[in-house]
C-alpha cells in the first residue's frame, strides 16, 4: 500500500491527466450513443471503470518492461515487443473478467455472442492502444529525463575533478617560479631577498585559500595580482611596469588568472629601465591583459602549460573562451567574465 501511495504521489499529474482523458472520452461516448445531454452523462462510474482498467494495463506494461528491457538504451524493437505483448494480455484479461462476471450472473450466452461482444473487445483493444501509448510515452520521457540528469551530474563531477587537477598543477607552478626568483635575489641582494620572502609568504596564503575554489571575485584576483607585481619590482625595479584600468565590473574569474598573465609577460620579455615592458590590465565587459613584446635573447623553452591550463579551466566553466592575439609588437589575452548570478 505504501508503495502505491508513493507511486501515485510521484506520478500524480500523469494519473490526473489519464482520469480526465477517460472522463472526457466517457462523456463523448455517452452523448454520441444517447443523443441527449443530461446529468447522467457526467456520472463518474464510467471513467472510474476505465481508469481502473488502464491502471491494470500500466501494471502489465511495467511487468514486461522489467522482464524484457535489458539495456538502458532506448530500443524501438523492444518497445514494440513490450507494447504488443501488453495489449494481448490486457485484452485477454478484459475478456476473462467479462466471462467471470457473465458466469456469475448467468449471462454467458447473452454477453459472449453477437456484435456487442465484438464491439467490447475492439473497444478494449482501442483503449489499450491509446492509454498504453500514453504510458509508454510518459515512461520513456521520465527515463530519458533521468538519464540526462545522471549525464549532467556525471559531467559536472568530471569537470570538477578536472578543475581540481588543473589547480594542483598551478600551485606548484607558482611556488617554483617564485623560489627561482628568490634564489637569484639571495645571490644579488640578501636584503631584497628577505623582503621578497616576507611578502611571498603573505601572498602564498591567498594561493592556498583559493586552491579549493573554482571562481573568485575579480576584485580579489586583481588585488592579488598587484601584490604579486610588487614581488616583481623587488627584483627588477622599473624594468616592468603595470597599468590598471578598472571599470568596476562585477563578476568572477578563475583564481590566479591575472597573476599568471602578469607572470607570463615577465617570463617571456626582457625589460630594462630605459626600455621597460608595459603590462596593461583593462577590466570592462571582458578582461584584456596586454604587454609590449621585447623578446629575451636566451630563454628556456616554455611549454605554455600555465596558459593552456587557464584556457582549459575557462572552457570547463564558461561558454566563452580565452582569446589570444600576438603581433610583432604586442601580446594580448582576452578573458571572459563569468556573471556572479551563475554561481
Protein backbone atom coordinates (compact mmCIF):
# COMPACT_ATOMS: atom_id res chain seq x y z
CA UNK A 1 0.00 0.00 0.00
CA UNK A 2 2.84 2.35 0.89
CA UNK A 3 4.48 1.72 -2.49
CA UNK A 4 1.21 2.50 -4.30
CA UNK A 5 0.81 5.81 -2.42
CA UNK A 6 4.40 6.79 -3.23
CA UNK A 7 3.83 5.92 -6.91
CA UNK A 8 0.61 7.99 -7.02
CA UNK A 9 2.37 10.97 -5.43
CA UNK A 10 5.31 10.81 -7.86
CA UNK A 11 3.06 10.47 -10.89
CA UNK A 12 0.01 12.44 -9.74
CA UNK A 13 -0.13 14.76 -12.75
CA UNK A 14 0.10 11.91 -15.25
CA UNK A 15 -2.61 9.93 -13.43
CA UNK A 16 -4.80 13.04 -13.24
CA UNK A 17 -4.38 13.50 -16.99
CA UNK A 18 -5.39 9.86 -17.59
CA UNK A 19 -8.51 10.21 -15.43
CA UNK A 20 -9.57 13.48 -17.08
CA UNK A 21 -9.00 12.00 -20.54
CA UNK A 22 -11.13 8.96 -19.57
CA UNK A 23 -13.83 11.30 -18.23
CA UNK A 24 -13.94 13.33 -21.45
CA UNK A 25 -13.90 10.11 -23.51
CA UNK A 26 -16.84 8.71 -21.48
CA UNK A 27 -18.88 11.90 -21.83
CA UNK A 28 -18.28 11.98 -25.58
CA UNK A 29 -19.30 8.32 -25.95
CA UNK A 30 -22.48 8.77 -23.88
CA UNK A 31 -23.58 11.79 -25.87
CA UNK A 32 -22.88 10.01 -29.16
CA UNK A 33 -24.83 6.89 -28.10
CA UNK A 34 -27.75 8.52 -26.26
CA UNK A 35 -28.08 11.62 -28.38
CA UNK A 36 -29.01 13.70 -25.32
CA UNK A 37 -27.20 15.61 -22.62
CA UNK A 38 -28.40 15.13 -19.04
CA UNK A 39 -26.87 14.78 -15.59
CA UNK A 40 -26.22 11.05 -16.07
CA UNK A 41 -23.84 11.87 -18.90
CA UNK A 42 -21.48 13.28 -16.26
CA UNK A 43 -21.65 10.32 -13.84
CA UNK A 44 -18.23 9.13 -12.64
CA UNK A 45 -18.83 5.38 -12.81
CA UNK A 46 -17.69 5.12 -16.44
CA UNK A 47 -14.39 6.98 -16.16
CA UNK A 48 -13.59 5.20 -12.88
CA UNK A 49 -14.01 1.79 -14.58
CA UNK A 50 -11.81 2.90 -17.48
CA UNK A 51 -9.22 4.36 -15.09
CA UNK A 52 -9.02 1.13 -13.07
CA UNK A 53 -8.75 -0.98 -16.22
CA UNK A 54 -5.95 1.16 -17.71
CA UNK A 55 -4.09 1.02 -14.38
CA UNK A 56 -4.13 -2.76 -14.83
CA UNK A 57 -2.73 -2.16 -18.32
CA UNK A 58 0.04 0.01 -16.85
CA UNK A 59 0.97 -2.78 -14.44
CA UNK A 60 1.12 -5.26 -17.32
CA UNK A 61 3.35 -2.95 -19.38
CA UNK A 62 5.61 -2.34 -16.37
CA UNK A 63 5.93 -6.09 -15.85
CA UNK A 64 7.07 -6.66 -19.44
CA UNK A 65 9.44 -3.68 -19.33
CA UNK A 66 11.20 -5.11 -16.29
CA UNK A 67 11.25 -8.55 -17.84
CA UNK A 68 12.38 -7.76 -21.38
CA UNK A 69 14.20 -4.46 -21.37
CA UNK A 70 17.78 -5.45 -20.69
CA UNK A 71 19.66 -2.28 -21.62
CA UNK A 72 19.40 1.38 -20.63
CA UNK A 73 19.46 2.40 -24.28
CA UNK A 74 16.07 3.03 -25.88
CA UNK A 75 15.18 0.32 -28.43
CA UNK A 76 12.20 0.64 -30.79
CA UNK A 77 12.16 -3.12 -31.30
CA UNK A 78 11.95 -3.79 -27.57
CA UNK A 79 9.24 -1.15 -27.15
CA UNK A 80 7.06 -2.68 -29.89
CA UNK A 81 7.53 -6.13 -28.41
CA UNK A 82 6.52 -4.89 -24.95
CA UNK A 83 3.57 -2.91 -26.32
CA UNK A 84 2.12 -5.76 -28.41
CA UNK A 85 2.51 -8.34 -25.63
CA UNK A 86 0.92 -5.96 -23.12
CA UNK A 87 -2.06 -5.34 -25.42
CA UNK A 88 -2.56 -9.07 -25.93
CA UNK A 89 -2.50 -9.77 -22.19
CA UNK A 90 -4.68 -6.73 -21.42
CA UNK A 91 -7.41 -7.75 -23.90
CA UNK A 92 -7.20 -11.34 -22.66
CA UNK A 93 -7.58 -10.21 -19.04
CA UNK A 94 -10.51 -7.98 -20.03
CA UNK A 95 -12.27 -10.87 -21.79
CA UNK A 96 -11.57 -13.18 -18.84
CA UNK A 97 -13.07 -10.69 -16.38
CA UNK A 98 -16.12 -10.27 -18.61
CA UNK A 99 -16.50 -14.06 -18.74
CA UNK A 100 -16.29 -14.37 -14.94
CA UNK A 101 -18.94 -11.65 -14.47
CA UNK A 102 -21.18 -13.26 -17.10
CA UNK A 103 -20.71 -16.64 -15.44
CA UNK A 104 -21.72 -15.24 -12.05
CA UNK A 105 -24.87 -13.62 -13.44
CA UNK A 106 -25.65 -16.47 -15.84
CA UNK A 107 -25.46 -14.28 -18.96
CA UNK A 108 -22.71 -16.05 -20.87
CA UNK A 109 -24.86 -16.66 -23.97
CA UNK A 110 -26.07 -13.06 -23.98
CA UNK A 111 -22.71 -11.40 -23.44
CA UNK A 112 -20.48 -13.73 -25.43
CA UNK A 113 -22.34 -13.79 -28.64
CA UNK A 114 -23.23 -11.31 -31.31
CA UNK A 115 -21.94 -7.91 -32.34
CA UNK A 116 -21.94 -6.32 -28.87
CA UNK A 117 -19.26 -8.69 -27.66
CA UNK A 118 -17.03 -7.92 -30.62
CA UNK A 119 -17.51 -4.18 -30.06
CA UNK A 120 -16.49 -4.54 -26.39
CA UNK A 121 -13.32 -6.41 -27.39
CA UNK A 122 -12.47 -3.81 -30.04
CA UNK A 123 -13.15 -1.05 -27.51
CA UNK A 124 -10.74 -2.70 -25.05
CA UNK A 125 -8.12 -3.03 -27.78
CA UNK A 126 -8.53 0.62 -28.80
CA UNK A 127 -8.30 1.78 -25.18
CA UNK A 128 -5.21 -0.36 -24.76
CA UNK A 129 -3.56 1.29 -27.76
CA UNK A 130 -4.48 4.83 -26.64
CA UNK A 131 -3.67 4.55 -22.93
CA UNK A 132 -0.76 2.19 -23.48
CA UNK A 133 0.70 4.76 -25.87
CA UNK A 134 0.27 7.45 -23.23
CA UNK A 135 2.01 5.30 -20.63
CA UNK A 136 4.97 4.34 -22.81
CA UNK A 137 5.46 7.94 -23.89
CA UNK A 138 5.41 9.06 -20.26
CA UNK A 139 7.63 6.20 -19.10
CA UNK A 140 10.34 6.77 -21.71
CA UNK A 141 10.16 10.54 -21.20
CA UNK A 142 10.86 10.06 -17.48
CA UNK A 143 13.57 7.54 -18.21
CA UNK A 144 15.26 9.84 -20.71
CA UNK A 145 14.99 12.78 -18.29
CA UNK A 146 16.61 10.72 -15.53
CA UNK A 147 19.42 9.63 -17.84
CA UNK A 148 20.00 13.26 -18.87
CA UNK A 149 20.18 14.30 -15.21
CA UNK A 150 22.63 11.49 -14.50
CA UNK A 151 24.69 12.54 -17.51
CA UNK A 152 24.75 16.18 -16.36
CA UNK A 153 25.76 15.07 -12.84
CA UNK A 154 28.50 12.88 -14.31
CA UNK A 155 29.88 15.70 -16.47
CA UNK A 156 29.76 18.13 -13.54
CA UNK A 157 31.69 15.67 -11.39
CA UNK A 158 34.14 15.07 -14.23
CA UNK A 159 34.59 18.83 -14.76
CA UNK A 160 35.13 19.47 -11.07
CA UNK A 161 37.64 16.64 -10.93
CA UNK A 162 39.49 18.06 -13.93
CA UNK A 163 39.47 21.58 -12.46
CA UNK A 164 40.94 20.25 -9.21
CA UNK A 165 43.66 18.51 -11.21
CA UNK A 166 44.45 21.75 -13.02
CA UNK A 167 44.65 23.66 -9.75
CA UNK A 168 47.08 21.17 -8.27
CA UNK A 169 49.29 21.82 -11.29
CA UNK A 170 49.15 25.62 -10.92
CA UNK A 171 50.02 25.89 -7.23
CA UNK A 172 53.46 24.21 -7.57
CA UNK A 173 53.99 26.26 -10.77
CA UNK A 174 53.53 29.48 -8.78
CA UNK A 175 55.71 28.24 -5.94
CA UNK A 176 58.64 27.02 -8.04
CA UNK A 177 58.77 30.13 -10.24
CA UNK A 178 58.98 32.41 -7.25
CA UNK A 179 61.52 30.23 -5.48
CA UNK A 180 63.71 30.67 -8.56
CA UNK A 181 63.35 34.44 -8.22
CA UNK A 182 64.21 34.17 -4.53
CA UNK A 183 67.29 32.09 -5.35
CA UNK A 184 68.55 34.79 -7.71
CA UNK A 185 67.84 37.56 -5.21
CA UNK A 186 69.79 35.77 -2.48
CA UNK A 187 72.89 35.90 -4.69
CA UNK A 188 72.33 39.54 -5.70
CA UNK A 189 70.92 41.27 -2.60
CA UNK A 190 70.15 39.41 0.62
CA UNK A 191 68.10 42.33 1.99
CA UNK A 192 65.85 42.35 -1.05
CA UNK A 193 65.66 38.58 -0.76
CA UNK A 194 64.48 38.90 2.84
CA UNK A 195 61.76 41.42 1.91
CA UNK A 196 60.75 39.27 -1.03
CA UNK A 197 60.44 36.20 1.17
CA UNK A 198 58.25 38.00 3.73
CA UNK A 199 55.88 39.31 1.05
CA UNK A 200 55.90 35.99 -0.75
CA UNK A 201 54.81 34.18 2.43
CA UNK A 202 51.91 36.62 2.77
CA UNK A 203 50.57 36.26 -0.75
CA UNK A 204 51.11 32.49 -0.89
CA UNK A 205 48.41 32.27 1.76
CA UNK A 206 46.00 33.54 -0.89
CA UNK A 207 47.10 30.77 -3.25
CA UNK A 208 46.29 28.21 -0.58
CA UNK A 209 42.95 29.86 0.27
CA UNK A 210 41.69 29.74 -3.32
CA UNK A 211 43.03 26.28 -4.08
CA UNK A 212 39.58 24.77 -3.42
CA UNK A 213 37.61 27.49 -5.26
CA UNK A 214 36.56 27.33 -8.89
CA UNK A 215 36.00 31.08 -9.17
CA UNK A 216 36.81 34.26 -7.23
CA UNK A 217 35.67 37.87 -7.47
CA UNK A 218 37.57 39.99 -9.99
CA UNK A 219 38.45 42.48 -7.24
CA UNK A 220 40.10 39.72 -5.17
CA UNK A 221 42.20 38.41 -8.02
CA UNK A 222 43.18 41.93 -9.10
CA UNK A 223 44.38 42.76 -5.57
CA UNK A 224 46.41 39.56 -5.56
CA UNK A 225 47.96 40.36 -8.96
CA UNK A 226 49.01 43.79 -7.66
CA UNK A 227 50.66 42.22 -4.61
CA UNK A 228 52.40 39.74 -6.86
CA UNK A 229 53.68 42.56 -9.08
CA UNK A 230 55.26 44.14 -6.01
CA UNK A 231 57.37 40.99 -5.75
CA UNK A 232 58.49 41.52 -9.34
CA UNK A 233 59.58 45.06 -8.52
CA UNK A 234 61.81 43.73 -5.74
CA UNK A 235 63.97 42.11 -8.37
CA UNK A 236 63.53 44.22 -11.49
CA UNK A 237 62.63 47.69 -10.26
CA UNK A 238 61.02 49.77 -13.03
CA UNK A 239 62.00 47.38 -15.81
CA UNK A 240 58.42 46.09 -15.71
CA UNK A 241 55.51 48.48 -15.28
CA UNK A 242 51.89 47.71 -14.54
CA UNK A 243 48.94 49.88 -15.53
CA UNK A 244 45.38 49.02 -14.43
CA UNK A 245 42.17 50.46 -15.86
CA UNK A 246 39.19 49.16 -13.94
CA UNK A 247 35.54 49.98 -14.74
CA UNK A 248 34.49 48.12 -11.56
CA UNK A 249 32.60 45.43 -13.45
CA UNK A 250 31.14 42.86 -11.07
CA UNK A 251 31.86 39.24 -11.88
CA UNK A 252 34.11 36.28 -11.27
CA UNK A 253 37.18 34.73 -12.86
CA UNK A 254 39.37 31.68 -12.32
CA UNK A 255 41.75 32.18 -9.36
CA UNK A 256 45.28 33.38 -10.24
CA UNK A 257 44.23 34.42 -13.76
CA UNK A 258 45.70 37.92 -13.62
CA UNK A 259 48.82 36.85 -11.74
CA UNK A 260 49.57 34.17 -14.33
CA UNK A 261 49.24 36.62 -17.20
CA UNK A 262 51.49 39.16 -15.46
CA UNK A 263 54.00 36.40 -14.77
CA UNK A 264 53.78 35.29 -18.39
CA UNK A 265 54.68 38.80 -19.59
CA UNK A 266 57.68 38.97 -17.26
CA UNK A 267 58.90 35.48 -18.11
CA UNK A 268 58.89 35.96 -21.89
CA UNK A 269 60.09 39.55 -22.18
CA UNK A 270 63.31 41.35 -21.25
CA UNK A 271 62.60 44.70 -19.66
CA UNK A 272 65.15 47.33 -18.63
CA UNK A 273 64.53 50.69 -17.01
CA UNK A 274 65.32 52.55 -20.25
CA UNK A 275 63.06 50.25 -22.26
CA UNK A 276 60.50 48.72 -19.87
CA UNK A 277 57.88 46.10 -20.53
CA UNK A 278 54.46 47.73 -20.14
CA UNK A 279 51.79 45.40 -18.80
CA UNK A 280 48.24 46.71 -19.02
CA UNK A 281 45.12 45.25 -17.40
CA UNK A 282 41.78 46.57 -18.62
CA UNK A 283 38.61 45.39 -16.86
CA UNK A 284 35.41 46.15 -18.79
CA UNK A 285 32.88 43.81 -20.37
CA UNK A 286 35.84 41.47 -20.67
CA UNK A 287 39.29 41.50 -19.14
CA UNK A 288 42.12 42.38 -21.50
CA UNK A 289 45.72 41.85 -20.43
CA UNK A 290 48.37 43.04 -22.88
CA UNK A 291 52.06 43.79 -22.98
CA UNK A 292 54.58 45.01 -25.50
CA UNK A 293 56.99 42.38 -26.77
CA UNK A 294 60.70 42.66 -26.03
CA UNK A 295 61.85 39.06 -26.51
CA UNK A 296 64.72 37.71 -24.45
CA UNK A 297 67.73 36.54 -26.42
CA UNK A 298 68.22 33.47 -24.31
CA UNK A 299 65.13 31.96 -22.74
CA UNK A 300 64.41 28.48 -21.51
CA UNK A 301 61.94 26.58 -23.64
CA UNK A 302 58.40 27.14 -22.37
CA UNK A 303 55.68 24.54 -22.79
CA UNK A 304 52.94 27.13 -22.25
CA UNK A 305 51.44 24.81 -19.65
CA UNK A 306 50.19 27.60 -17.36
CA UNK A 307 48.31 29.44 -20.13
CA UNK A 308 46.93 26.19 -21.57
CA UNK A 309 45.86 25.21 -18.07
CA UNK A 310 44.00 28.50 -17.73
CA UNK A 311 42.31 28.06 -21.13
CA UNK A 312 41.09 24.61 -20.16
CA UNK A 313 39.61 25.82 -16.88
CA UNK A 314 37.61 28.54 -18.66
CA UNK A 315 36.44 26.01 -21.25
CA UNK A 316 35.03 23.91 -18.42
CA UNK A 317 33.43 26.81 -16.54
CA UNK A 318 32.15 29.13 -19.26
CA UNK A 319 30.71 29.13 -22.78
CA UNK A 320 33.20 31.88 -23.66
CA UNK A 321 36.80 31.07 -24.42
CA UNK A 322 40.08 32.82 -23.76
CA UNK A 323 41.25 34.72 -26.85
CA UNK A 324 44.95 35.14 -27.56
CA UNK A 325 46.37 37.59 -30.09
CA UNK A 326 50.03 38.05 -30.92
CA UNK A 327 51.62 40.60 -33.25
CA UNK A 328 55.20 41.75 -33.72
CA UNK A 329 54.70 44.48 -31.10
CA UNK A 330 52.09 43.19 -28.64
CA UNK A 331 50.78 40.11 -26.91
CA UNK A 332 47.13 40.28 -25.79
CA UNK A 333 44.94 37.86 -23.85
CA UNK A 334 41.18 38.45 -23.51
CA UNK A 335 39.47 36.77 -20.58
CA UNK A 336 35.67 36.27 -20.28
CA UNK A 337 33.95 37.47 -17.11
CA UNK A 338 31.60 34.93 -15.51
CA UNK A 339 28.47 36.60 -14.02
CA UNK A 340 28.04 36.20 -10.28
CA UNK A 341 24.43 35.02 -10.60
CA UNK A 342 25.55 31.89 -12.48
CA UNK A 343 27.22 30.64 -9.32
